[in-house]
Amino acid sequence: MTRCFECTKNGDKHHIIHKEEGGLEYPLNTLYLCEEHHRGPTGPHKDPVKDRQYKKALYDALASLFTKEHYEIQDIRTMAKLSSSLARTLRKTLKRQKEGYRTMDILDFLMSGYQLQDEELDIPVFEED
C-alpha cells in the first residue's frame, strides 16, 4: 500500500483532475491520500481550495516537464509516462504542427481541458505551516 501524500497513513489513489471532470489515467494525475485527506473536510473532494492547490501543482509539474515549444509523440509518452492507448488518443485528438505537437495543446490535453484562472497561476501551491 502506498502512503498518503499528506501524512504517513496508508493511502488510496486520488485523481487530481477527477474522473468525472474527464481526468486521464497517468502517473502525474494521481497521488495517494488517506481517507481523512481524501474525503475528509480538508480533502480535495470537500475543500475547493485544496482541490485547486493539487490542480495547480499538476499544472506546474507539467509546465516544468514540457519546456520546449513542440514535442514528438514518443517524447510526450516517455516524459509523462503515458500508456500506449492514451498516447494514441493524444495523437488522434491533437493537431500535429510541422515541428511537432504544441506544448500548450499537450498541457491542455493532460489537464483534461481544466483551465486555471489567472489569479490561480500566482498563488503558492502549498502554504508553509
C-alpha atoms as a PDB file:
ATOM      1  CA  MET A   1       0.000   0.000   0.000  1.00  0.00           C
ATOM      2  CA  THR A   2       1.240   3.493  -0.831  1.00  0.00           C
ATOM      3  CA  ARG A   3       1.479   6.194   1.819  1.00  0.00           C
ATOM      4  CA  CYS A   4      -0.668   9.328   1.963  1.00  0.00           C
ATOM      5  CA  PHE A   5       0.844  12.402   0.287  1.00  0.00           C
ATOM      6  CA  GLU A   6      -0.120  14.494   3.351  1.00  0.00           C
ATOM      7  CA  CYS A   7       0.753  12.093   6.193  1.00  0.00           C
ATOM      8  CA  THR A   8       2.166   8.601   6.734  1.00  0.00           C
ATOM      9  CA  LYS A   9      -1.107   6.642   6.780  1.00  0.00           C
ATOM     10  CA  ASN A  10      -1.987   4.177   4.042  1.00  0.00           C
ATOM     11  CA  GLY A  11      -3.435   5.997   1.059  1.00  0.00           C
ATOM     12  CA  ASP A  12      -5.843   5.331  -1.784  1.00  0.00           C
ATOM     13  CA  LYS A  13      -5.401   6.606  -5.324  1.00  0.00           C
ATOM     14  CA  HIS A  14      -6.792  10.090  -5.942  1.00  0.00           C
ATOM     15  CA  HIS A  15      -7.071  11.609  -9.420  1.00  0.00           C
ATOM     16  CA  ILE A  16      -6.091  15.282  -9.314  1.00  0.00           C
ATOM     17  CA  ILE A  17      -8.266  16.011 -12.328  1.00  0.00           C
ATOM     18  CA  HIS A  18     -11.181  13.881 -11.157  1.00  0.00           C
ATOM     19  CA  LYS A  19     -12.508  11.160 -13.438  1.00  0.00           C
ATOM     20  CA  GLU A  20     -15.914  12.889 -13.542  1.00  0.00           C
ATOM     21  CA  GLU A  21     -14.090  16.011 -14.790  1.00  0.00           C
ATOM     22  CA  GLY A  22     -12.614  13.957 -17.622  1.00  0.00           C
ATOM     23  CA  GLY A  23      -9.378  13.202 -15.765  1.00  0.00           C
ATOM     24  CA  LEU A  24      -6.967  10.877 -17.510  1.00  0.00           C
ATOM     25  CA  GLU A  25      -5.141   7.860 -16.138  1.00  0.00           C
ATOM     26  CA  TYR A  26      -1.424   8.681 -15.987  1.00  0.00           C
ATOM     27  CA  PRO A  27       1.013   8.886 -13.060  1.00  0.00           C
ATOM     28  CA  LEU A  28       1.253  12.672 -12.725  1.00  0.00           C
ATOM     29  CA  ASN A  29      -2.538  12.941 -12.441  1.00  0.00           C
ATOM     30  CA  THR A  30      -2.638  10.657  -9.413  1.00  0.00           C
ATOM     31  CA  LEU A  31      -1.485  10.840  -5.847  1.00  0.00           C
ATOM     32  CA  TYR A  32      -2.268   8.776  -2.793  1.00  0.00           C
ATOM     33  CA  LEU A  33      -4.328  10.121   0.106  1.00  0.00           C
ATOM     34  CA  CYS A  34      -5.613   8.521   3.300  1.00  0.00           C
ATOM     35  CA  GLU A  35      -9.369   8.580   3.924  1.00  0.00           C
ATOM     36  CA  GLU A  36      -9.120  11.746   6.049  1.00  0.00           C
ATOM     37  CA  HIS A  37      -7.058  13.692   3.493  1.00  0.00           C
ATOM     38  CA  HIS A  38      -9.038  12.289   0.566  1.00  0.00           C
ATOM     39  CA  ARG A  39     -12.703  12.646   1.521  1.00  0.00           C
ATOM     40  CA  GLY A  40     -12.491  14.435   4.866  1.00  0.00           C
ATOM     41  CA  PRO A  41     -13.364  18.120   5.403  1.00  0.00           C
ATOM     42  CA  THR A  42      -9.876  19.240   4.329  1.00  0.00           C
ATOM     43  CA  GLY A  43      -9.642  16.827   1.388  1.00  0.00           C
ATOM     44  CA  PRO A  44      -9.967  17.795  -2.275  1.00  0.00           C
ATOM     45  CA  HIS A  45     -13.479  16.356  -2.581  1.00  0.00           C
ATOM     46  CA  LYS A  46     -14.823  18.744   0.088  1.00  0.00           C
ATOM     47  CA  ASP A  47     -12.310  21.624   0.098  1.00  0.00           C
ATOM     48  CA  PRO A  48     -12.191  23.535  -3.206  1.00  0.00           C
ATOM     49  CA  VAL A  49      -9.015  25.376  -2.145  1.00  0.00           C
ATOM     50  CA  LYS A  50      -7.156  22.089  -1.599  1.00  0.00           C
ATOM     51  CA  ASP A  51      -8.544  20.787  -4.903  1.00  0.00           C
ATOM     52  CA  ARG A  52      -7.206  23.868  -6.746  1.00  0.00           C
ATOM     53  CA  GLN A  53      -3.828  23.511  -4.986  1.00  0.00           C
ATOM     54  CA  TYR A  54      -3.454  19.959  -6.287  1.00  0.00           C
ATOM     55  CA  LYS A  55      -4.518  21.045  -9.779  1.00  0.00           C
ATOM     56  CA  LYS A  56      -2.032  23.937  -9.683  1.00  0.00           C
ATOM     57  CA  ALA A  57       0.710  21.527  -8.583  1.00  0.00           C
ATOM     58  CA  LEU A  58      -0.159  19.236 -11.511  1.00  0.00           C
ATOM     59  CA  TYR A  59      -0.064  22.159 -13.937  1.00  0.00           C
ATOM     60  CA  ASP A  60       3.285  23.330 -12.543  1.00  0.00           C
ATOM     61  CA  ALA A  61       4.721  19.809 -12.815  1.00  0.00           C
ATOM     62  CA  LEU A  62       3.588  19.505 -16.428  1.00  0.00           C
ATOM     63  CA  ALA A  63       4.816  23.007 -17.323  1.00  0.00           C
ATOM     64  CA  SER A  64       8.246  22.277 -15.844  1.00  0.00           C
ATOM     65  CA  LEU A  65       8.369  18.953 -17.697  1.00  0.00           C
ATOM     66  CA  PHE A  66       7.405  20.371 -21.104  1.00  0.00           C
ATOM     67  CA  THR A  67       9.627  23.424 -21.558  1.00  0.00           C
ATOM     68  CA  LYS A  68      10.139  23.389 -25.333  1.00  0.00           C
ATOM     69  CA  GLU A  69       7.547  24.680 -27.791  1.00  0.00           C
ATOM     70  CA  HIS A  70       6.974  21.364 -29.596  1.00  0.00           C
ATOM     71  CA  TYR A  71       7.316  17.632 -28.891  1.00  0.00           C
ATOM     72  CA  GLU A  72       7.017  14.372 -30.781  1.00  0.00           C
ATOM     73  CA  ILE A  73       4.519  11.770 -29.573  1.00  0.00           C
ATOM     74  CA  GLN A  74       7.180   9.344 -28.326  1.00  0.00           C
ATOM     75  CA  ASP A  75       8.786  12.096 -26.231  1.00  0.00           C
ATOM     76  CA  ILE A  76       5.404  13.047 -24.752  1.00  0.00           C
ATOM     77  CA  ARG A  77       4.641   9.416 -23.959  1.00  0.00           C
ATOM     78  CA  THR A  78       8.010   8.883 -22.275  1.00  0.00           C
ATOM     79  CA  MET A  79       8.098  12.165 -20.347  1.00  0.00           C
ATOM     80  CA  ALA A  80       4.528  11.939 -18.984  1.00  0.00           C
ATOM     81  CA  LYS A  81       4.649   8.119 -18.681  1.00  0.00           C
ATOM     82  CA  LEU A  82       1.522   7.693 -20.809  1.00  0.00           C
ATOM     83  CA  SER A  83       0.120   4.307 -21.732  1.00  0.00           C
ATOM     84  CA  SER A  84       0.188   3.435 -25.418  1.00  0.00           C
ATOM     85  CA  SER A  85      -3.604   3.843 -25.617  1.00  0.00           C
ATOM     86  CA  LEU A  86      -3.514   7.297 -24.005  1.00  0.00           C
ATOM     87  CA  ALA A  87      -0.649   8.344 -26.314  1.00  0.00           C
ATOM     88  CA  ARG A  88      -2.742   7.138 -29.272  1.00  0.00           C
ATOM     89  CA  THR A  89      -5.708   9.188 -28.025  1.00  0.00           C
ATOM     90  CA  LEU A  90      -3.469  12.248 -27.689  1.00  0.00           C
ATOM     91  CA  ARG A  91      -2.163  11.720 -31.228  1.00  0.00           C
ATOM     92  CA  LYS A  92      -5.707  11.440 -32.625  1.00  0.00           C
ATOM     93  CA  THR A  93      -7.015  14.381 -30.575  1.00  0.00           C
ATOM     94  CA  LEU A  94      -4.295  16.978 -31.083  1.00  0.00           C
ATOM     95  CA  LYS A  95      -3.257  18.555 -34.355  1.00  0.00           C
ATOM     96  CA  ARG A  96       0.396  17.957 -35.129  1.00  0.00           C
ATOM     97  CA  GLN A  97       2.250  21.017 -36.366  1.00  0.00           C
ATOM     98  CA  LYS A  98       5.214  20.736 -38.729  1.00  0.00           C
ATOM     99  CA  GLU A  99       7.566  20.934 -35.705  1.00  0.00           C
ATOM    100  CA  GLY A 100       5.550  18.518 -33.561  1.00  0.00           C
ATOM    101  CA  TYR A 101       2.741  18.837 -31.005  1.00  0.00           C
ATOM    102  CA  ARG A 102       2.490  22.252 -29.335  1.00  0.00           C
ATOM    103  CA  THR A 103       3.219  22.339 -25.619  1.00  0.00           C
ATOM    104  CA  MET A 104       0.119  24.410 -24.849  1.00  0.00           C
ATOM    105  CA  ASP A 105      -2.030  21.753 -26.557  1.00  0.00           C
ATOM    106  CA  ILE A 106      -0.232  18.961 -24.685  1.00  0.00           C
ATOM    107  CA  LEU A 107      -0.816  20.700 -21.335  1.00  0.00           C
ATOM    108  CA  ASP A 108      -4.479  21.300 -22.168  1.00  0.00           C
ATOM    109  CA  PHE A 109      -4.927  17.627 -23.095  1.00  0.00           C
ATOM    110  CA  LEU A 110      -3.150  16.312 -19.985  1.00  0.00           C
ATOM    111  CA  MET A 111      -5.119  18.736 -17.776  1.00  0.00           C
ATOM    112  CA  SER A 112      -8.303  17.396 -19.461  1.00  0.00           C
ATOM    113  CA  GLY A 113      -9.208  20.920 -20.515  1.00  0.00           C
ATOM    114  CA  TYR A 114      -9.147  22.198 -16.925  1.00  0.00           C
ATOM    115  CA  GLN A 115      -8.200  25.870 -17.054  1.00  0.00           C
ATOM    116  CA  LEU A 116      -6.536  27.640 -14.157  1.00  0.00           C
ATOM    117  CA  GLN A 117      -7.813  31.172 -13.621  1.00  0.00           C
ATOM    118  CA  ASP A 118      -5.248  33.987 -13.913  1.00  0.00           C
ATOM    119  CA  GLU A 119      -5.301  34.623 -10.166  1.00  0.00           C
ATOM    120  CA  GLU A 120      -4.626  30.916  -9.512  1.00  0.00           C
ATOM    121  CA  LEU A 121      -1.430  30.993 -11.564  1.00  0.00           C
ATOM    122  CA  ASP A 122       0.297  33.210  -8.992  1.00  0.00           C
ATOM    123  CA  ILE A 123      -0.836  31.565  -5.750  1.00  0.00           C
ATOM    124  CA  PRO A 124       1.594  29.343  -3.857  1.00  0.00           C
ATOM    125  CA  VAL A 125       0.773  25.682  -4.299  1.00  0.00           C
ATOM    126  CA  PHE A 126       1.027  24.833  -0.605  1.00  0.00           C
ATOM    127  CA  GLU A 127       1.298  27.250   2.273  1.00  0.00           C
ATOM    128  CA  GLU A 128       4.113  26.877   4.769  1.00  0.00           C
ATOM    129  CA  ASP A 129       2.973  25.874   8.255  1.00  0.00           C
END
